[in-house]
Amino acid sequence: MFEMKEVYKLGVPHIDEQHSRLFELGEKAYNLLKDTYSIDKYDKIVAIIQELGEYTVTHFKDEEEYMQSINYKRLLSHKIEHDNFIKAVNELDLNKIDSDQDEYIMNILEFIAKWLSEHIIEKDILIAGSI
């Protein structure tokens, strides 16, 4: 379901590699949703959320440093979007996981998919255009 395609590539190898890792996290969540053998997915859901939060902090830092190095004019607004994403991940209510674990995973999948499609294709791609 989650696959790094050419349309998502900026042509900046280390950023593209990091974006690919975000797709892998989305795929990990998708595979967990499809896992019919796990009865209790709570710990795995929490692990995906933690990994997503930790990885995006690193990725956003690297991406922002790259934008600064090329004097990207939209750095501030881009950083605000990054900060909002991290805030949203940190505010995910882990107490709601057990009410319906698969629905919670679906919400995570939608969150990741929306970010990948909207942010990378609409915002990050502008970085490549300013090189």
C-alpha atoms as a PDB file:
ATOM      1  CA  MET A   1       0.000   0.000   0.000  1.00  0.00           C
ATOM      2  CA  PHE A   2       2.763   2.445   0.933  1.00  0.00           C
ATOM      3  CA  GLU A   3       5.417   2.609  -1.737  1.00  0.00           C
ATOM      4  CA  MET A   4       8.028   5.236  -2.479  1.00  0.00           C
ATOM      5  CA  LYS A   5       7.413   6.114  -6.131  1.00  0.00           C
ATOM      6  CA  GLU A   6       9.252   8.443  -8.478  1.00  0.00           C
ATOM      7  CA  VAL A   7       6.599  11.144  -8.011  1.00  0.00           C
ATOM      8  CA  TYR A   8       7.726  11.496  -4.374  1.00  0.00           C
ATOM      9  CA  LYS A   9      11.428  11.879  -5.155  1.00  0.00           C
ATOM     10  CA  LEU A  10      12.981  15.304  -4.864  1.00  0.00           C
ATOM     11  CA  GLY A  11      16.323  14.376  -6.382  1.00  0.00           C
ATOM     12  CA  VAL A  12      18.084  15.014  -3.084  1.00  0.00           C
ATOM     13  CA  PRO A  13      19.364  11.524  -2.201  1.00  0.00           C
ATOM     14  CA  HIS A  14      19.467  11.763   1.596  1.00  0.00           C
ATOM     15  CA  ILE A  15      16.010  13.389   1.757  1.00  0.00           C
ATOM     16  CA  ASP A  16      14.566  10.834  -0.672  1.00  0.00           C
ATOM     17  CA  GLU A  17      16.040   8.045   1.459  1.00  0.00           C
ATOM     18  CA  GLN A  18      14.427   9.507   4.568  1.00  0.00           C
ATOM     19  CA  HIS A  19      11.083   9.875   2.812  1.00  0.00           C
ATOM     20  CA  SER A  20      11.387   6.229   1.805  1.00  0.00           C
ATOM     21  CA  ARG A  21      11.708   5.347   5.505  1.00  0.00           C
ATOM     22  CA  LEU A  22       8.438   7.203   6.188  1.00  0.00           C
ATOM     23  CA  PHE A  23       6.753   5.056   3.546  1.00  0.00           C
ATOM     24  CA  GLU A  24       8.174   1.982   5.290  1.00  0.00           C
ATOM     25  CA  LEU A  25       6.586   3.106   8.554  1.00  0.00           C
ATOM     26  CA  GLY A  26       3.262   3.505   6.766  1.00  0.00           C
ATOM     27  CA  GLU A  27       3.634   0.012   5.342  1.00  0.00           C
ATOM     28  CA  LYS A  28       4.461  -1.299   8.804  1.00  0.00           C
ATOM     29  CA  ALA A  29       1.191   0.153  10.123  1.00  0.00           C
ATOM     30  CA  TYR A  30      -0.704  -1.276   7.144  1.00  0.00           C
ATOM     31  CA  ASN A  31       0.759  -4.740   7.729  1.00  0.00           C
ATOM     32  CA  LEU A  32      -0.246  -4.524  11.383  1.00  0.00           C
ATOM     33  CA  LEU A  33      -3.794  -3.703  10.348  1.00  0.00           C
ATOM     34  CA  LYS A  34      -3.864  -6.745   8.058  1.00  0.00           C
ATOM     35  CA  ASP A  35      -2.361  -9.012  10.751  1.00  0.00           C
ATOM     36  CA  THR A  36      -5.267 -11.261  11.718  1.00  0.00           C
ATOM     37  CA  TYR A  37      -3.123 -13.391  14.039  1.00  0.00           C
ATOM     38  CA  SER A  38      -2.376 -10.693  16.595  1.00  0.00           C
ATOM     39  CA  ILE A  39      -5.231 -10.306  19.032  1.00  0.00           C
ATOM     40  CA  ASP A  40      -3.761  -7.449  21.038  1.00  0.00           C
ATOM     41  CA  LYS A  41      -1.889  -4.937  18.872  1.00  0.00           C
ATOM     42  CA  TYR A  42      -1.542  -2.217  21.517  1.00  0.00           C
ATOM     43  CA  ASP A  43       2.232  -2.487  22.021  1.00  0.00           C
ATOM     44  CA  LYS A  44       2.890  -2.632  18.284  1.00  0.00           C
ATOM     45  CA  ILE A  45       0.701   0.425  17.669  1.00  0.00           C
ATOM     46  CA  VAL A  46       2.521   2.375  20.374  1.00  0.00           C
ATOM     47  CA  ALA A  47       5.876   1.302  18.911  1.00  0.00           C
ATOM     48  CA  ILE A  48       4.890   2.552  15.442  1.00  0.00           C
ATOM     49  CA  ILE A  49       3.731   5.881  16.869  1.00  0.00           C
ATOM     50  CA  GLN A  50       6.964   6.273  18.849  1.00  0.00           C
ATOM     51  CA  GLU A  51       9.088   5.362  15.846  1.00  0.00           C
ATOM     52  CA  LEU A  52       7.147   7.786  13.660  1.00  0.00           C
ATOM     53  CA  GLY A  53       7.598  10.579  16.187  1.00  0.00           C
ATOM     54  CA  GLU A  54      11.301   9.952  16.704  1.00  0.00           C
ATOM     55  CA  TYR A  55      12.084   9.478  13.038  1.00  0.00           C
ATOM     56  CA  THR A  56      10.254  12.577  11.871  1.00  0.00           C
ATOM     57  CA  VAL A  57      12.126  14.735  14.374  1.00  0.00           C
ATOM     58  CA  THR A  58      15.396  13.557  12.816  1.00  0.00           C
ATOM     59  CA  HIS A  59      14.104  13.801   9.253  1.00  0.00           C
ATOM     60  CA  PHE A  60      12.621  17.267   9.697  1.00  0.00           C
ATOM     61  CA  LYS A  61      15.847  18.519  11.256  1.00  0.00           C
ATOM     62  CA  ASP A  62      17.859  17.216   8.301  1.00  0.00           C
ATOM     63  CA  GLU A  63      15.371  18.561   5.773  1.00  0.00           C
ATOM     64  CA  GLU A  64      15.338  21.988   7.417  1.00  0.00           C
ATOM     65  CA  GLU A  65      19.149  22.083   7.489  1.00  0.00           C
ATOM     66  CA  TYR A  66      19.169  21.252   3.794  1.00  0.00           C
ATOM     67  CA  MET A  67      16.613  23.977   3.060  1.00  0.00           C
ATOM     68  CA  GLN A  68      18.728  26.446   5.004  1.00  0.00           C
ATOM     69  CA  SER A  69      21.843  25.409   3.037  1.00  0.00           C
ATOM     70  CA  ILE A  70      20.129  26.259  -0.266  1.00  0.00           C
ATOM     71  CA  ASN A  71      18.542  29.441   1.136  1.00  0.00           C
ATOM     72  CA  TYR A  72      15.046  28.085   0.657  1.00  0.00           C
ATOM     73  CA  LYS A  73      12.669  31.034   0.927  1.00  0.00           C
ATOM     74  CA  ARG A  74       9.761  29.087   2.422  1.00  0.00           C
ATOM     75  CA  LEU A  75      11.783  27.546   5.249  1.00  0.00           C
ATOM     76  CA  LEU A  76       9.783  29.167   8.060  1.00  0.00           C
ATOM     77  CA  SER A  77       6.356  28.084   6.800  1.00  0.00           C
ATOM     78  CA  HIS A  78       7.737  24.636   6.039  1.00  0.00           C
ATOM     79  CA  LYS A  79       9.148  24.372   9.561  1.00  0.00           C
ATOM     80  CA  ILE A  80       5.755  25.318  10.990  1.00  0.00           C
ATOM     81  CA  GLU A  81       4.184  22.405   9.106  1.00  0.00           C
ATOM     82  CA  HIS A  82       6.861  20.087  10.454  1.00  0.00           C
ATOM     83  CA  ASP A  83       6.271  21.342  13.983  1.00  0.00           C
ATOM     84  CA  ASN A  84       2.518  20.822  13.592  1.00  0.00           C
ATOM     85  CA  PHE A  85       3.087  17.247  12.429  1.00  0.00           C
ATOM     86  CA  ILE A  86       5.293  16.467  15.436  1.00  0.00           C
ATOM     87  CA  LYS A  87       2.746  18.076  17.739  1.00  0.00           C
ATOM     88  CA  ALA A  88      -0.048  15.973  16.220  1.00  0.00           C
ATOM     89  CA  VAL A  89       1.960  12.768  16.703  1.00  0.00           C
ATOM     90  CA  ASN A  90       2.764  13.713  20.299  1.00  0.00           C
ATOM     91  CA  GLU A  91      -0.901  14.451  20.997  1.00  0.00           C
ATOM     92  CA  LEU A  92      -2.194  11.088  19.782  1.00  0.00           C
ATOM     93  CA  ASP A  93      -4.330   9.706  22.606  1.00  0.00           C
ATOM     94  CA  LEU A  94      -2.914   6.281  23.452  1.00  0.00           C
ATOM     95  CA  ASN A  95      -5.826   5.682  25.825  1.00  0.00           C
ATOM     96  CA  LYS A  96      -8.131   5.369  22.813  1.00  0.00           C
ATOM     97  CA  ILE A  97      -6.189   2.520  21.213  1.00  0.00           C
ATOM     98  CA  ASP A  98      -7.977  -0.264  23.055  1.00  0.00           C
ATOM     99  CA  SER A  99     -11.487   0.917  22.210  1.00  0.00           C
ATOM    100  CA  ASP A 100     -10.935  -0.312  18.632  1.00  0.00           C
ATOM    101  CA  GLN A 101      -7.352  -1.132  17.726  1.00  0.00           C
ATOM    102  CA  ASP A 102      -7.928  -1.625  14.011  1.00  0.00           C
ATOM    103  CA  GLU A 103      -9.809   1.664  13.747  1.00  0.00           C
ATOM    104  CA  TYR A 104      -6.936   3.381  15.557  1.00  0.00           C
ATOM    105  CA  ILE A 105      -4.476   1.888  13.074  1.00  0.00           C
ATOM    106  CA  MET A 106      -6.706   3.109  10.220  1.00  0.00           C
ATOM    107  CA  ASN A 107      -6.565   6.617  11.676  1.00  0.00           C
ATOM    108  CA  ILE A 108      -2.764   6.403  11.813  1.00  0.00           C
ATOM    109  CA  LEU A 109      -2.674   5.164   8.216  1.00  0.00           C
ATOM    110  CA  GLU A 110      -4.863   8.043   7.065  1.00  0.00           C
ATOM    111  CA  PHE A 111      -2.681  10.499   8.978  1.00  0.00           C
ATOM    112  CA  ILE A 112       0.532   9.146   7.413  1.00  0.00           C
ATOM    113  CA  ALA A 113      -0.973   8.845   3.915  1.00  0.00           C
ATOM    114  CA  LYS A 114      -2.294  12.389   3.997  1.00  0.00           C
ATOM    115  CA  TRP A 115       1.051  13.726   5.142  1.00  0.00           C
ATOM    116  CA  LEU A 116       3.027  11.803   2.543  1.00  0.00           C
ATOM    117  CA  SER A 117       0.774  12.741  -0.329  1.00  0.00           C
ATOM    118  CA  GLU A 118       0.019  16.332   0.586  1.00  0.00           C
ATOM    119  CA  HIS A 119       3.262  17.418   2.188  1.00  0.00           C
ATOM    120  CA  ILE A 120       5.800  15.704  -0.040  1.00  0.00           C
ATOM    121  CA  ILE A 121       4.004  16.275  -3.330  1.00  0.00           C
ATOM    122  CA  GLU A 122       2.727  19.773  -2.602  1.00  0.00           C
ATOM    123  CA  LYS A 123       5.390  21.248  -0.296  1.00  0.00           C
ATOM    124  CA  ASP A 124       8.645  19.278  -0.393  1.00  0.00           C
ATOM    125  CA  ILE A 125       8.649  19.157  -4.168  1.00  0.00           C
ATOM    126  CA  LEU A 126       9.044  22.951  -4.126  1.00  0.00           C
ATOM    127  CA  ILE A 127      12.429  22.447  -2.472  1.00  0.00           C
ATOM    128  CA  ALA A 128      13.635  20.532  -5.520  1.00  0.00           C
ATOM    129  CA  GLY A 129      12.413  23.334  -7.756  1.00  0.00           C
ATOM    130  CA  SER A 130      14.514  25.889  -5.917  1.00  0.00           C
ATOM    131  CA  ILE A 131      17.823  24.103  -6.398  1.00  0.00           C
END
